[in-house]
């Protein structure tokens, strides 16, 4: 179900040329991904997998990830 505001925005986007619609779609997809990421990061049920993921990233030498000591100030 779409909110009235989102439906209006999508309806408005249909009036744009196809290349502009593609740009709007890419921006919307990015915004949705960011919101989902924020939701996942703030969900206490995800603490375990996030901690495991962070630990893996710290061990991966190809990832520029700060050490735990650098984050604690």
PDB file of N, CA and C in Angstrom:
ATOM      1  N   UNK A   1       0.841  -1.176   0.000  1.00  0.00           N
ATOM      2  CA  UNK A   1       0.000   0.000   0.000  1.00  0.00           C
ATOM      3  C   UNK A   1       0.892   1.249   0.000  1.00  0.00           C
ATOM      4  N   UNK A   2       0.587   2.181  -0.865  1.00  0.00           N
ATOM      5  CA  UNK A   2       1.345   3.426  -0.954  1.00  0.00           C
ATOM      6  C   UNK A   2       0.665   4.522  -0.150  1.00  0.00           C
ATOM      7  N   UNK A   3       1.454   5.352   0.485  1.00  0.00           N
ATOM      8  CA  UNK A   3       0.880   6.534   1.123  1.00  0.00           C
ATOM      9  C   UNK A   3       0.421   7.481   0.022  1.00  0.00           C
ATOM     10  N   UNK A   4      -0.458   8.371   0.376  1.00  0.00           N
ATOM     11  CA  UNK A   4      -0.968   9.334  -0.605  1.00  0.00           C
ATOM     12  C   UNK A   4       0.166  10.186  -1.169  1.00  0.00           C
ATOM     13  N   UNK A   5       1.107  10.547  -0.313  1.00  0.00           N
ATOM     14  CA  UNK A   5       2.224  11.389  -0.759  1.00  0.00           C
ATOM     15  C   UNK A   5       3.120  10.646  -1.748  1.00  0.00           C
ATOM     16  N   UNK A   6       3.417   9.380  -1.440  1.00  0.00           N
ATOM     17  CA  UNK A   6       4.263   8.608  -2.340  1.00  0.00           C
ATOM     18  C   UNK A   6       3.553   8.348  -3.667  1.00  0.00           C
ATOM     19  N   UNK A   7       2.276   8.030  -3.609  1.00  0.00           N
ATOM     20  CA  UNK A   7       1.506   7.813  -4.834  1.00  0.00           C
ATOM     21  C   UNK A   7       1.498   9.078  -5.693  1.00  0.00           C
ATOM     22  N   UNK A   8       1.316  10.238  -5.065  1.00  0.00           N
ATOM     23  CA  UNK A   8       1.316  11.500  -5.804  1.00  0.00           C
ATOM     24  C   UNK A   8       2.675  11.749  -6.450  1.00  0.00           C
ATOM     25  N   UNK A   9       3.732  11.443  -5.731  1.00  0.00           N
ATOM     26  CA  UNK A   9       5.074  11.639  -6.273  1.00  0.00           C
ATOM     27  C   UNK A   9       5.321  10.708  -7.462  1.00  0.00           C
ATOM     28  N   UNK A  10       4.889   9.469  -7.344  1.00  0.00           N
ATOM     29  CA  UNK A  10       5.058   8.518  -8.446  1.00  0.00           C
ATOM     30  C   UNK A  10       4.208   8.936  -9.634  1.00  0.00           C
ATOM     31  N   UNK A  11       2.971   9.349  -9.374  1.00  0.00           N
ATOM     32  CA  UNK A  11       2.114   9.836 -10.456  1.00  0.00           C
ATOM     33  C   UNK A  11       2.752  11.027 -11.161  1.00  0.00           C
ATOM     34  N   UNK A  12       3.350  11.902 -10.402  1.00  0.00           N
ATOM     35  CA  UNK A  12       4.020  13.062 -10.974  1.00  0.00           C
ATOM     36  C   UNK A  12       5.221  12.633 -11.819  1.00  0.00           C
ATOM     37  N   UNK A  13       5.942  11.622 -11.349  1.00  0.00           N
ATOM     38  CA  UNK A  13       7.117  11.149 -12.081  1.00  0.00           C
ATOM     39  C   UNK A  13       6.737  10.556 -13.436  1.00  0.00           C
ATOM     40  N   UNK A  14       5.521  10.063 -13.566  1.00  0.00           N
ATOM     41  CA  UNK A  14       5.104   9.490 -14.854  1.00  0.00           C
ATOM     42  C   UNK A  14       5.017  10.557 -15.941  1.00  0.00           C
ATOM     43  N   UNK A  15       4.984  11.805 -15.548  1.00  0.00           N
ATOM     44  CA  UNK A  15       4.901  12.899 -16.516  1.00  0.00           C
ATOM     45  C   UNK A  15       6.276  13.305 -17.038  1.00  0.00           C
ATOM     46  N   UNK A  16       7.318  12.763 -16.450  1.00  0.00           N
ATOM     47  CA  UNK A  16       8.692  13.090 -16.859  1.00  0.00           C
ATOM     48  C   UNK A  16       9.102  12.279 -18.077  1.00  0.00           C
ATOM     49  N   UNK A  17      10.090  12.770 -18.813  1.00  0.00           N
ATOM     50  CA  UNK A  17      10.640  11.981 -19.921  1.00  0.00           C
ATOM     51  C   UNK A  17      11.285  10.701 -19.358  1.00  0.00           C
ATOM     52  N   UNK A  18      11.387   9.651 -20.176  1.00  0.00           N
ATOM     53  CA  UNK A  18      11.927   8.371 -19.691  1.00  0.00           C
ATOM     54  C   UNK A  18      13.296   8.473 -19.020  1.00  0.00           C
ATOM     55  N   UNK A  19      14.207   9.281 -19.547  1.00  0.00           N
ATOM     56  CA  UNK A  19      15.526   9.381 -18.915  1.00  0.00           C
ATOM     57  C   UNK A  19      15.441  10.012 -17.528  1.00  0.00           C
ATOM     58  N   UNK A  20      14.547  10.968 -17.360  1.00  0.00           N
ATOM     59  CA  UNK A  20      14.346  11.575 -16.042  1.00  0.00           C
ATOM     60  C   UNK A  20      13.670  10.583 -15.095  1.00  0.00           C
ATOM     61  N   UNK A  21      12.759   9.771 -15.620  1.00  0.00           N
ATOM     62  CA  UNK A  21      12.118   8.743 -14.795  1.00  0.00           C
ATOM     63  C   UNK A  21      13.153   7.758 -14.274  1.00  0.00           C
ATOM     64  N   UNK A  22      14.118   7.390 -15.126  1.00  0.00           N
ATOM     65  CA  UNK A  22      15.182   6.472 -14.707  1.00  0.00           C
ATOM     66  C   UNK A  22      16.009   7.079 -13.574  1.00  0.00           C
ATOM     67  N   UNK A  23      16.280   8.372 -13.671  1.00  0.00           N
ATOM     68  CA  UNK A  23      17.054   9.048 -12.624  1.00  0.00           C
ATOM     69  C   UNK A  23      16.271   9.070 -11.315  1.00  0.00           C
ATOM     70  N   UNK A  24      14.981   9.385 -11.394  1.00  0.00           N
ATOM     71  CA  UNK A  24      14.134   9.392 -10.196  1.00  0.00           C
ATOM     72  C   UNK A  24      14.071   7.990  -9.597  1.00  0.00           C
ATOM     73  N   UNK A  25      13.934   6.972 -10.443  1.00  0.00           N
ATOM     74  CA  UNK A  25      13.868   5.594  -9.962  1.00  0.00           C
ATOM     75  C   UNK A  25      15.156   5.211  -9.232  1.00  0.00           C
ATOM     76  N   UNK A  26      16.299   5.591  -9.787  1.00  0.00           N
ATOM     77  CA  UNK A  26      17.581   5.287  -9.142  1.00  0.00           C
ATOM     78  C   UNK A  26      17.692   5.979  -7.786  1.00  0.00           C
ATOM     79  N   UNK A  27      17.249   7.225  -7.719  1.00  0.00           N
ATOM     80  CA  UNK A  27      17.290   7.957  -6.454  1.00  0.00           C
ATOM     81  C   UNK A  27      16.360   7.323  -5.426  1.00  0.00           C
ATOM     82  N   UNK A  28      15.181   6.900  -5.864  1.00  0.00           N
ATOM     83  CA  UNK A  28      14.224   6.257  -4.962  1.00  0.00           C
ATOM     84  C   UNK A  28      14.772   4.921  -4.464  1.00  0.00           C
ATOM     85  N   UNK A  29      15.368   4.138  -5.357  1.00  0.00           N
ATOM     86  CA  UNK A  29      15.960   2.860  -4.947  1.00  0.00           C
ATOM     87  C   UNK A  29      17.058   3.070  -3.918  1.00  0.00           C
ATOM     88  N   UNK A  30      17.873   4.086  -4.116  1.00  0.00           N
ATOM     89  CA  UNK A  30      18.939   4.390  -3.170  1.00  0.00           C
ATOM     90  C   UNK A  30      18.367   4.809  -1.818  1.00  0.00           C
ATOM     91  N   UNK A  31      17.346   5.646  -1.843  1.00  0.00           N
ATOM     92  CA  UNK A  31      16.713   6.095  -0.597  1.00  0.00           C
ATOM     93  C   UNK A  31      16.100   4.916   0.150  1.00  0.00           C
ATOM     94  N   UNK A  32      15.454   4.017  -0.575  1.00  0.00           N
ATOM     95  CA  UNK A  32      14.851   2.838   0.055  1.00  0.00           C
ATOM     96  C   UNK A  32      15.929   1.961   0.682  1.00  0.00           C
ATOM     97  N   UNK A  33      17.030   1.745  -0.029  1.00  0.00           N
ATOM     98  CA  UNK A  33      18.123   0.942   0.505  1.00  0.00           C
ATOM     99  C   UNK A  33      18.685   1.571   1.782  1.00  0.00           C
ATOM    100  N   UNK A  34      18.835   2.889   1.799  1.00  0.00           N
ATOM    101  CA  UNK A  34      19.343   3.580   2.991  1.00  0.00           C
ATOM    102  C   UNK A  34      18.398   3.424   4.174  1.00  0.00           C
ATOM    103  N   UNK A  35      17.109   3.545   3.928  1.00  0.00           N
ATOM    104  CA  UNK A  35      16.125   3.398   5.006  1.00  0.00           C
ATOM    105  C   UNK A  35      16.144   1.969   5.547  1.00  0.00           C
ATOM    106  N   UNK A  36      16.198   0.994   4.648  1.00  0.00           N
ATOM    107  CA  UNK A  36      16.252  -0.409   5.102  1.00  0.00           C
ATOM    108  C   UNK A  36      17.501  -0.667   5.923  1.00  0.00           C
ATOM    109  N   UNK A  37      18.628  -0.106   5.493  1.00  0.00           N
ATOM    110  CA  UNK A  37      19.886  -0.273   6.230  1.00  0.00           C
ATOM    111  C   UNK A  37      19.756   0.347   7.619  1.00  0.00           C
ATOM    112  N   UNK A  38      19.195   1.552   7.704  1.00  0.00           N
ATOM    113  CA  UNK A  38      19.007   2.208   9.000  1.00  0.00           C
ATOM    114  C   UNK A  38      18.110   1.381   9.908  1.00  0.00           C
ATOM    115  N   UNK A  39      17.047   0.823   9.349  1.00  0.00           N
ATOM    116  CA  UNK A  39      16.134  -0.022  10.133  1.00  0.00           C
ATOM    117  C   UNK A  39      16.894  -1.235  10.668  1.00  0.00           C
ATOM    118  N   UNK A  40      17.667  -1.892   9.791  1.00  0.00           N
ATOM    119  CA  UNK A  40      18.427  -3.068  10.218  1.00  0.00           C
ATOM    120  C   UNK A  40      19.450  -2.727  11.289  1.00  0.00           C
ATOM    121  N   UNK A  41      20.145  -1.599  11.130  1.00  0.00           N
ATOM    122  CA  UNK A  41      21.155  -1.222  12.117  1.00  0.00           C
ATOM    123  C   UNK A  41      20.553  -0.904  13.477  1.00  0.00           C
ATOM    124  N   UNK A  42      19.323  -0.430  13.491  1.00  0.00           N
ATOM    125  CA  UNK A  42      18.691  -0.026  14.743  1.00  0.00           C
ATOM    126  C   UNK A  42      17.779  -1.088  15.338  1.00  0.00           C
ATOM    127  N   UNK A  43      17.728  -2.259  14.732  1.00  0.00           N
ATOM    128  CA  UNK A  43      16.897  -3.355  15.231  1.00  0.00           C
ATOM    129  C   UNK A  43      17.723  -4.203  16.199  1.00  0.00           C
ATOM    130  N   UNK A  44      17.358  -4.220  17.484  1.00  0.00           N
ATOM    131  CA  UNK A  44      18.138  -4.984  18.459  1.00  0.00           C
ATOM    132  C   UNK A  44      18.237  -6.473  18.122  1.00  0.00           C
ATOM    133  N   UNK A  45      17.291  -6.987  17.368  1.00  0.00           N
ATOM    134  CA  UNK A  45      17.346  -8.402  16.993  1.00  0.00           C
ATOM    135  C   UNK A  45      18.502  -8.693  16.026  1.00  0.00           C
ATOM    136  N   UNK A  46      19.062  -7.659  15.416  1.00  0.00           N
ATOM    137  CA  UNK A  46      20.160  -7.847  14.471  1.00  0.00           C
ATOM    138  C   UNK A  46      21.529  -7.660  15.112  1.00  0.00           C
ATOM    139  N   UNK A  47      21.572  -7.417  16.414  1.00  0.00           N
ATOM    140  CA  UNK A  47      22.854  -7.172  17.075  1.00  0.00           C
ATOM    141  C   UNK A  47      23.852  -8.304  16.880  1.00  0.00           C
ATOM    142  N   UNK A  48      23.391  -9.551  16.954  1.00  0.00           N
ATOM    143  CA  UNK A  48      24.302 -10.689  16.838  1.00  0.00           C
ATOM    144  C   UNK A  48      24.943 -10.752  15.467  1.00  0.00           C
ATOM    145  N   UNK A  49      24.122 -10.714  14.409  1.00  0.00           N
ATOM    146  CA  UNK A  49      24.726 -10.827  13.072  1.00  0.00           C
ATOM    147  C   UNK A  49      25.539  -9.596  12.722  1.00  0.00           C
ATOM    148  N   UNK A  50      25.131  -8.419  13.223  1.00  0.00           N
ATOM    149  CA  UNK A  50      25.928  -7.224  12.956  1.00  0.00           C
ATOM    150  C   UNK A  50      27.291  -7.322  13.637  1.00  0.00           C
ATOM    151  N   UNK A  51      27.321  -7.816  14.859  1.00  0.00           N
ATOM    152  CA  UNK A  51      28.590  -7.984  15.573  1.00  0.00           C
ATOM    153  C   UNK A  51      29.488  -8.975  14.851  1.00  0.00           C
ATOM    154  N   UNK A  52      28.894 -10.074  14.360  1.00  0.00           N
ATOM    155  CA  UNK A  52      29.675 -11.066  13.615  1.00  0.00           C
ATOM    156  C   UNK A  52      30.198 -10.461  12.314  1.00  0.00           C
ATOM    157  N   UNK A  53      29.367  -9.701  11.638  1.00  0.00           N
ATOM    158  CA  UNK A  53      29.746  -9.079  10.369  1.00  0.00           C
ATOM    159  C   UNK A  53      30.888  -8.082  10.582  1.00  0.00           C
ATOM    160  N   UNK A  54      30.798  -7.295  11.649  1.00  0.00           N
ATOM    161  CA  UNK A  54      31.847  -6.326  11.971  1.00  0.00           C
ATOM    162  C   UNK A  54      33.154  -7.040  12.294  1.00  0.00           C
ATOM    163  N   UNK A  55      33.064  -8.129  13.062  1.00  0.00           N
ATOM    164  CA  UNK A  55      34.267  -8.899  13.399  1.00  0.00           C
ATOM    165  C   UNK A  55      34.922  -9.452  12.137  1.00  0.00           C
ATOM    166  N   UNK A  56      34.117  -9.956  11.199  1.00  0.00           N
ATOM    167  CA  UNK A  56      34.660 -10.456   9.930  1.00  0.00           C
ATOM    168  C   UNK A  56      35.335  -9.327   9.149  1.00  0.00           C
ATOM    169  N   UNK A  57      34.711  -8.162   9.123  1.00  0.00           N
ATOM    170  CA  UNK A  57      35.270  -7.037   8.385  1.00  0.00           C
ATOM    171  C   UNK A  57      36.606  -6.610   8.981  1.00  0.00           C
ATOM    172  N   UNK A  58      36.726  -6.652  10.288  1.00  0.00           N
ATOM    173  CA  UNK A  58      37.981  -6.266  10.939  1.00  0.00           C
ATOM    174  C   UNK A  58      39.099  -7.242  10.609  1.00  0.00           C
ATOM    175  N   UNK A  59      38.744  -8.506  10.372  1.00  0.00           N
ATOM    176  CA  UNK A  59      39.753  -9.515  10.053  1.00  0.00           C
ATOM    177  C   UNK A  59      40.135  -9.504   8.580  1.00  0.00           C
ATOM    178  N   UNK A  60      39.302  -8.954   7.738  1.00  0.00           N
ATOM    179  CA  UNK A  60      39.545  -8.926   6.292  1.00  0.00           C
ATOM    180  C   UNK A  60      40.509  -7.793   5.960  1.00  0.00           C
ATOM    181  N   UNK A  61      41.691  -8.151   5.519  1.00  0.00           N
ATOM    182  CA  UNK A  61      42.720  -7.145   5.228  1.00  0.00           C
ATOM    183  C   UNK A  61      42.400  -6.312   3.989  1.00  0.00           C
ATOM    184  N   UNK A  62      41.434  -6.747   3.182  1.00  0.00           N
ATOM    185  CA  UNK A  62      41.083  -5.979   1.985  1.00  0.00           C
ATOM    186  C   UNK A  62      40.038  -4.912   2.277  1.00  0.00           C
ATOM    187  N   UNK A  63      39.523  -4.900   3.515  1.00  0.00           N
ATOM    188  CA  UNK A  63      38.500  -3.932   3.907  1.00  0.00           C
ATOM    189  C   UNK A  63      39.136  -2.902   4.833  1.00  0.00           C
ATOM    190  N   UNK A  64      38.986  -1.624   4.514  1.00  0.00           N
ATOM    191  CA  UNK A  64      39.519  -0.559   5.358  1.00  0.00           C
ATOM    192  C   UNK A  64      38.499  -0.267   6.452  1.00  0.00           C
ATOM    193  N   UNK A  65      38.568  -1.045   7.527  1.00  0.00           N
ATOM    194  CA  UNK A  65      37.601  -0.959   8.612  1.00  0.00           C
ATOM    195  C   UNK A  65      38.352  -0.587   9.882  1.00  0.00           C
ATOM    196  N   UNK A  66      37.881   0.418  10.617  1.00  0.00           N
ATOM    197  CA  UNK A  66      38.626   0.841  11.813  1.00  0.00           C
ATOM    198  C   UNK A  66      38.638  -0.228  12.902  1.00  0.00           C
ATOM    199  N   UNK A  67      39.728  -0.278  13.610  1.00  0.00           N
ATOM    200  CA  UNK A  67      39.829  -1.193  14.747  1.00  0.00           C
ATOM    201  C   UNK A  67      38.873  -0.737  15.837  1.00  0.00           C
ATOM    202  N   UNK A  68      38.451  -1.658  16.669  1.00  0.00           N
ATOM    203  CA  UNK A  68      37.513  -1.345  17.743  1.00  0.00           C
ATOM    204  C   UNK A  68      38.070  -0.253  18.648  1.00  0.00           C
ATOM    205  N   UNK A  69      39.369  -0.286  18.907  1.00  0.00           N
ATOM    206  CA  UNK A  69      39.978   0.715  19.790  1.00  0.00           C
ATOM    207  C   UNK A  69      39.895   2.124  19.197  1.00  0.00           C
ATOM    208  N   UNK A  70      39.879   2.215  17.888  1.00  0.00           N
ATOM    209  CA  UNK A  70      39.791   3.540  17.249  1.00  0.00           C
ATOM    210  C   UNK A  70      38.400   4.139  17.378  1.00  0.00           C
ATOM    211  N   UNK A  71      37.403   3.288  17.601  1.00  0.00           N
ATOM    212  CA  UNK A  71      36.019   3.769  17.700  1.00  0.00           C
ATOM    213  C   UNK A  71      35.654   4.170  19.117  1.00  0.00           C
ATOM    214  N   UNK A  72      36.413   3.712  20.094  1.00  0.00           N
ATOM    215  CA  UNK A  72      36.103   4.014  21.491  1.00  0.00           C
ATOM    216  C   UNK A  72      36.913   5.213  21.946  1.00  0.00           C
ATOM    217  N   UNK A  73      36.222   6.285  22.252  1.00  0.00           N
ATOM    218  CA  UNK A  73      36.912   7.498  22.713  1.00  0.00           C
ATOM    219  C   UNK A  73      36.300   8.007  23.967  1.00  0.00           C
TER     220      UNK A  73
END
